[in-house]
Amino acid sequence: MLEDKAKDLGRSIGQSEEYKAVKRSSDALNNDREATTILRQMEKIRQDAQAMIDRGEEPTGDMEQQLDTLLQQVQVNPAYQAAISAQDNFDKLMLRVNQWIADGIRTGAASPIILG
């Protein structure tokens, strides 16, 4: 019973406008060569910095400056902005869904009747 309801909920979320917007904006971002290049560069610097931290070293100021510069570049990219906005809206939807689930759990725990 719970598995079926969970799958139904998942299907409903997958059909929501918020999810569709995330999917569209993610596809658009992945197809934006400039944005993906910048994001890959940022990830490489982050990985290098994490490796330094793992070795007990401090990341360099140059690495921090490079990240700041790349972040400024990607933040003005329309595909990146759309992806961030869509993800934010989807995250808000999921917070509401989780709240509805929590409300349902509280209601179910207080109810002596088992619904099937």
N, C-alpha and C. Protein backbone atom coordinates (compact mmCIF):
# COMPACT_ATOMS: atom_id res chain seq x y z
N MET A 1 0.82 -1.19 0.00
CA MET A 1 0.00 0.00 0.00
C MET A 1 0.87 1.26 0.00
N LEU A 2 1.84 1.34 0.92
CA LEU A 2 2.69 2.53 0.98
C LEU A 2 3.53 2.68 -0.29
N GLU A 3 4.02 1.56 -0.80
CA GLU A 3 4.84 1.63 -2.00
C GLU A 3 4.04 2.20 -3.17
N ASP A 4 2.82 1.74 -3.32
CA ASP A 4 1.97 2.24 -4.41
C ASP A 4 1.69 3.73 -4.26
N LYS A 5 1.39 4.15 -3.03
CA LYS A 5 1.12 5.58 -2.80
C LYS A 5 2.38 6.42 -3.04
N ALA A 6 3.53 5.89 -2.64
CA ALA A 6 4.78 6.60 -2.85
C ALA A 6 5.07 6.73 -4.35
N LYS A 7 4.82 5.66 -5.10
CA LYS A 7 5.04 5.72 -6.55
C LYS A 7 4.07 6.70 -7.20
N ASP A 8 2.83 6.73 -6.73
CA ASP A 8 1.86 7.71 -7.25
C ASP A 8 2.33 9.13 -6.96
N LEU A 9 2.82 9.35 -5.75
CA LEU A 9 3.33 10.67 -5.39
C LEU A 9 4.52 11.03 -6.29
N GLY A 10 5.42 10.08 -6.50
CA GLY A 10 6.56 10.33 -7.37
C GLY A 10 6.14 10.68 -8.79
N ARG A 11 5.14 9.96 -9.30
CA ARG A 11 4.63 10.27 -10.64
C ARG A 11 4.05 11.68 -10.68
N SER A 12 3.30 12.03 -9.64
CA SER A 12 2.71 13.37 -9.59
C SER A 12 3.79 14.45 -9.54
N ILE A 13 4.82 14.20 -8.77
CA ILE A 13 5.92 15.17 -8.70
C ILE A 13 6.61 15.26 -10.06
N GLY A 14 6.82 14.13 -10.71
CA GLY A 14 7.46 14.10 -12.02
C GLY A 14 6.65 14.82 -13.09
N GLN A 15 5.34 14.92 -12.88
CA GLN A 15 4.47 15.61 -13.83
C GLN A 15 4.22 17.06 -13.45
N SER A 16 4.79 17.49 -12.33
CA SER A 16 4.56 18.87 -11.87
C SER A 16 5.31 19.85 -12.77
N GLU A 17 4.78 21.06 -12.84
CA GLU A 17 5.43 22.11 -13.62
C GLU A 17 6.82 22.42 -13.07
N GLU A 18 6.97 22.34 -11.75
CA GLU A 18 8.26 22.63 -11.13
C GLU A 18 9.32 21.62 -11.59
N TYR A 19 8.94 20.34 -11.63
CA TYR A 19 9.90 19.32 -12.06
C TYR A 19 10.22 19.49 -13.55
N LYS A 20 9.18 19.74 -14.34
CA LYS A 20 9.40 19.92 -15.78
C LYS A 20 10.33 21.11 -16.03
N ALA A 21 10.18 22.17 -15.25
CA ALA A 21 11.05 23.35 -15.41
C ALA A 21 12.49 23.01 -15.05
N VAL A 22 12.68 22.21 -14.00
CA VAL A 22 14.04 21.79 -13.62
C VAL A 22 14.66 20.97 -14.75
N LYS A 23 13.90 20.06 -15.30
CA LYS A 23 14.40 19.21 -16.38
C LYS A 23 14.76 20.05 -17.60
N ARG A 24 13.87 20.96 -18.00
CA ARG A 24 14.14 21.81 -19.16
C ARG A 24 15.37 22.69 -18.93
N SER A 25 15.43 23.31 -17.77
CA SER A 25 16.54 24.23 -17.51
C SER A 25 17.86 23.47 -17.36
N SER A 26 17.80 22.28 -16.82
CA SER A 26 19.01 21.46 -16.70
C SER A 26 19.51 21.05 -18.09
N ASP A 27 18.59 20.65 -18.95
CA ASP A 27 18.98 20.30 -20.32
C ASP A 27 19.59 21.51 -21.03
N ALA A 28 18.97 22.68 -20.86
CA ALA A 28 19.48 23.90 -21.50
C ALA A 28 20.87 24.25 -20.96
N LEU A 29 21.05 24.10 -19.66
CA LEU A 29 22.35 24.40 -19.05
C LEU A 29 23.41 23.43 -19.57
N ASN A 30 23.05 22.15 -19.67
CA ASN A 30 24.01 21.16 -20.17
C ASN A 30 24.37 21.42 -21.63
N ASN A 31 23.49 22.08 -22.38
CA ASN A 31 23.77 22.38 -23.78
C ASN A 31 24.45 23.73 -23.97
N ASP A 32 24.65 24.46 -22.88
CA ASP A 32 25.31 25.77 -22.95
C ASP A 32 26.81 25.55 -22.73
N ARG A 33 27.57 25.60 -23.82
CA ARG A 33 29.00 25.29 -23.76
C ARG A 33 29.76 26.21 -22.80
N GLU A 34 29.44 27.50 -22.84
CA GLU A 34 30.14 28.46 -21.97
C GLU A 34 29.90 28.14 -20.50
N ALA A 35 28.64 27.92 -20.14
CA ALA A 35 28.30 27.65 -18.74
C ALA A 35 28.92 26.34 -18.28
N THR A 36 28.84 25.31 -19.10
CA THR A 36 29.38 24.01 -18.67
C THR A 36 30.90 24.07 -18.53
N THR A 37 31.55 24.84 -19.38
CA THR A 37 33.01 24.99 -19.26
C THR A 37 33.36 25.66 -17.94
N ILE A 38 32.66 26.72 -17.62
CA ILE A 38 32.92 27.43 -16.36
C ILE A 38 32.63 26.53 -15.17
N LEU A 39 31.52 25.82 -15.21
CA LEU A 39 31.16 24.93 -14.09
C LEU A 39 32.18 23.81 -13.92
N ARG A 40 32.69 23.28 -15.03
CA ARG A 40 33.73 22.24 -14.94
C ARG A 40 35.02 22.81 -14.33
N GLN A 41 35.37 24.04 -14.73
CA GLN A 41 36.56 24.68 -14.17
C GLN A 41 36.39 24.88 -12.66
N MET A 42 35.19 25.32 -12.27
CA MET A 42 34.93 25.53 -10.85
C MET A 42 35.03 24.21 -10.08
N GLU A 43 34.47 23.15 -10.63
CA GLU A 43 34.52 21.85 -9.96
C GLU A 43 35.95 21.36 -9.83
N LYS A 44 36.77 21.57 -10.85
CA LYS A 44 38.18 21.16 -10.79
C LYS A 44 38.91 21.91 -9.68
N ILE A 45 38.68 23.20 -9.57
CA ILE A 45 39.33 23.98 -8.51
C ILE A 45 38.84 23.49 -7.14
N ARG A 46 37.55 23.23 -7.01
CA ARG A 46 37.02 22.73 -5.73
C ARG A 46 37.64 21.38 -5.37
N GLN A 47 37.77 20.51 -6.35
CA GLN A 47 38.38 19.20 -6.09
C GLN A 47 39.84 19.36 -5.67
N ASP A 48 40.56 20.23 -6.36
CA ASP A 48 41.96 20.48 -6.01
C ASP A 48 42.07 21.06 -4.60
N ALA A 49 41.18 21.98 -4.27
CA ALA A 49 41.19 22.58 -2.93
C ALA A 49 40.87 21.53 -1.87
N GLN A 50 39.90 20.66 -2.15
CA GLN A 50 39.55 19.60 -1.19
C GLN A 50 40.72 18.64 -1.00
N ALA A 51 41.41 18.32 -2.08
CA ALA A 51 42.59 17.45 -1.98
C ALA A 51 43.66 18.09 -1.11
N MET A 52 43.83 19.40 -1.26
CA MET A 52 44.80 20.10 -0.42
C MET A 52 44.38 20.05 1.04
N ILE A 53 43.10 20.29 1.30
CA ILE A 53 42.59 20.24 2.68
C ILE A 53 42.78 18.85 3.27
N ASP A 54 42.51 17.83 2.47
CA ASP A 54 42.68 16.44 2.92
C ASP A 54 44.12 16.14 3.28
N ARG A 55 45.06 16.81 2.63
CA ARG A 55 46.49 16.64 2.93
C ARG A 55 46.94 17.56 4.06
N GLY A 56 46.03 18.34 4.60
CA GLY A 56 46.37 19.25 5.69
C GLY A 56 46.92 20.58 5.20
N GLU A 57 46.76 20.87 3.94
CA GLU A 57 47.24 22.12 3.36
C GLU A 57 46.09 23.11 3.22
N GLU A 58 46.44 24.36 3.10
CA GLU A 58 45.45 25.41 2.86
C GLU A 58 45.34 25.69 1.37
N PRO A 59 44.12 25.77 0.84
CA PRO A 59 43.98 26.19 -0.56
C PRO A 59 44.58 27.59 -0.73
N THR A 60 45.06 27.86 -1.91
CA THR A 60 45.74 29.14 -2.15
C THR A 60 44.73 30.27 -2.36
N GLY A 61 45.19 31.46 -2.13
CA GLY A 61 44.37 32.64 -2.39
C GLY A 61 44.03 32.75 -3.86
N ASP A 62 44.95 32.29 -4.71
CA ASP A 62 44.72 32.31 -6.15
C ASP A 62 43.54 31.40 -6.51
N MET A 63 43.45 30.27 -5.86
CA MET A 63 42.33 29.35 -6.12
C MET A 63 41.01 30.02 -5.74
N GLU A 64 41.01 30.68 -4.60
CA GLU A 64 39.80 31.37 -4.15
C GLU A 64 39.42 32.48 -5.13
N GLN A 65 40.42 33.22 -5.60
CA GLN A 65 40.17 34.29 -6.56
C GLN A 65 39.63 33.74 -7.88
N GLN A 66 40.21 32.63 -8.33
CA GLN A 66 39.73 32.00 -9.57
C GLN A 66 38.27 31.58 -9.42
N LEU A 67 37.94 30.98 -8.27
CA LEU A 67 36.56 30.57 -8.04
C LEU A 67 35.62 31.76 -8.03
N ASP A 68 36.02 32.83 -7.38
CA ASP A 68 35.19 34.04 -7.33
C ASP A 68 34.95 34.59 -8.74
N THR A 69 36.01 34.63 -9.54
CA THR A 69 35.90 35.15 -10.90
C THR A 69 34.98 34.27 -11.74
N LEU A 70 35.17 32.96 -11.65
CA LEU A 70 34.33 32.04 -12.41
C LEU A 70 32.87 32.12 -11.96
N LEU A 71 32.66 32.25 -10.67
CA LEU A 71 31.30 32.36 -10.15
C LEU A 71 30.62 33.62 -10.69
N GLN A 72 31.34 34.72 -10.72
CA GLN A 72 30.79 35.95 -11.27
C GLN A 72 30.43 35.78 -12.75
N GLN A 73 31.26 35.04 -13.47
CA GLN A 73 31.01 34.82 -14.90
C GLN A 73 29.76 33.96 -15.11
N VAL A 74 29.63 32.89 -14.33
CA VAL A 74 28.52 31.96 -14.56
C VAL A 74 27.20 32.54 -14.05
N GLN A 75 27.26 33.38 -13.02
CA GLN A 75 26.03 33.93 -12.44
C GLN A 75 25.27 34.83 -13.40
N VAL A 76 25.93 35.38 -14.38
CA VAL A 76 25.24 36.24 -15.35
C VAL A 76 24.76 35.45 -16.58
N ASN A 77 25.06 34.17 -16.61
CA ASN A 77 24.65 33.33 -17.73
C ASN A 77 23.15 33.02 -17.61
N PRO A 78 22.36 33.32 -18.65
CA PRO A 78 20.91 33.10 -18.57
C PRO A 78 20.52 31.64 -18.32
N ALA A 79 21.24 30.70 -18.91
CA ALA A 79 20.91 29.28 -18.69
C ALA A 79 21.17 28.89 -17.24
N TYR A 80 22.24 29.41 -16.66
CA TYR A 80 22.55 29.13 -15.26
C TYR A 80 21.50 29.76 -14.35
N GLN A 81 21.14 31.00 -14.63
CA GLN A 81 20.11 31.68 -13.83
C GLN A 81 18.79 30.93 -13.87
N ALA A 82 18.41 30.46 -15.05
CA ALA A 82 17.15 29.71 -15.20
C ALA A 82 17.22 28.40 -14.42
N ALA A 83 18.36 27.72 -14.47
CA ALA A 83 18.51 26.46 -13.75
C ALA A 83 18.44 26.67 -12.24
N ILE A 84 19.08 27.71 -11.75
CA ILE A 84 19.06 28.01 -10.31
C ILE A 84 17.64 28.36 -9.87
N SER A 85 16.95 29.16 -10.64
CA SER A 85 15.59 29.56 -10.31
C SER A 85 14.65 28.35 -10.32
N ALA A 86 14.76 27.51 -11.35
CA ALA A 86 13.91 26.32 -11.43
C ALA A 86 14.18 25.37 -10.28
N GLN A 87 15.46 25.20 -9.93
CA GLN A 87 15.80 24.31 -8.81
C GLN A 87 15.26 24.86 -7.50
N ASP A 88 15.33 26.17 -7.33
CA ASP A 88 14.80 26.80 -6.12
C ASP A 88 13.29 26.56 -6.01
N ASN A 89 12.58 26.73 -7.11
CA ASN A 89 11.13 26.49 -7.10
C ASN A 89 10.80 25.03 -6.82
N PHE A 90 11.58 24.12 -7.39
CA PHE A 90 11.37 22.70 -7.14
C PHE A 90 11.66 22.36 -5.67
N ASP A 91 12.72 22.94 -5.13
CA ASP A 91 13.04 22.71 -3.72
C ASP A 91 11.90 23.19 -2.81
N LYS A 92 11.30 24.32 -3.16
CA LYS A 92 10.16 24.82 -2.38
C LYS A 92 8.99 23.85 -2.46
N LEU A 93 8.73 23.30 -3.66
CA LEU A 93 7.68 22.30 -3.80
C LEU A 93 7.96 21.10 -2.92
N MET A 94 9.19 20.63 -2.93
CA MET A 94 9.53 19.44 -2.14
C MET A 94 9.43 19.71 -0.64
N LEU A 95 9.73 20.93 -0.23
CA LEU A 95 9.53 21.28 1.19
C LEU A 95 8.05 21.20 1.55
N ARG A 96 7.20 21.70 0.64
CA ARG A 96 5.75 21.63 0.89
C ARG A 96 5.28 20.18 0.92
N VAL A 97 5.77 19.37 -0.02
CA VAL A 97 5.40 17.95 -0.05
C VAL A 97 5.82 17.27 1.25
N ASN A 98 7.03 17.53 1.69
CA ASN A 98 7.50 16.93 2.95
C ASN A 98 6.66 17.39 4.13
N GLN A 99 6.22 18.64 4.11
CA GLN A 99 5.36 19.13 5.18
C GLN A 99 4.01 18.43 5.15
N TRP A 100 3.47 18.26 3.93
CA TRP A 100 2.19 17.55 3.80
C TRP A 100 2.32 16.11 4.30
N ILE A 101 3.45 15.47 4.00
CA ILE A 101 3.68 14.10 4.48
C ILE A 101 3.76 14.09 5.99
N ALA A 102 4.50 15.05 6.57
CA ALA A 102 4.61 15.12 8.03
C ALA A 102 3.25 15.36 8.66
N ASP A 103 2.44 16.23 8.06
CA ASP A 103 1.09 16.46 8.56
C ASP A 103 0.27 15.18 8.51
N GLY A 104 0.40 14.45 7.41
CA GLY A 104 -0.32 13.18 7.26
C GLY A 104 0.12 12.16 8.29
N ILE A 105 1.40 12.12 8.58
CA ILE A 105 1.92 11.20 9.60
C ILE A 105 1.34 11.54 10.96
N ARG A 106 1.34 12.83 11.29
CA ARG A 106 0.77 13.24 12.58
C ARG A 106 -0.71 12.88 12.66
N THR A 107 -1.44 13.14 11.58
CA THR A 107 -2.86 12.81 11.55
C THR A 107 -3.07 11.31 11.66
N GLY A 108 -2.27 10.55 10.93
CA GLY A 108 -2.39 9.09 10.96
C GLY A 108 -2.04 8.52 12.31
N ALA A 109 -1.03 9.08 12.95
CA ALA A 109 -0.63 8.59 14.27
C ALA A 109 -1.69 8.86 15.31
N ALA A 110 -2.46 9.93 15.11
CA ALA A 110 -3.49 10.30 16.09
C ALA A 110 -4.81 9.57 15.82
N SER A 111 -4.94 8.96 14.65
CA SER A 111 -6.19 8.32 14.27
C SER A 111 -6.18 6.83 14.62
N PRO A 112 -7.24 6.37 15.31
CA PRO A 112 -7.29 4.94 15.63
C PRO A 112 -7.77 4.11 14.45
N ILE A 113 -8.20 4.75 13.38
CA ILE A 113 -8.73 4.04 12.22
C ILE A 113 -7.62 3.82 11.21
N ILE A 114 -7.52 2.58 10.73
CA ILE A 114 -6.52 2.25 9.73
C ILE A 114 -7.16 2.40 8.36
N LEU A 115 -6.56 3.26 7.54
CA LEU A 115 -7.09 3.51 6.20
C LEU A 115 -6.38 2.57 5.23
N GLY A 116 -7.10 2.04 4.31
CA GLY A 116 -6.49 1.11 3.36
C GLY A 116 -6.66 1.50 2.04
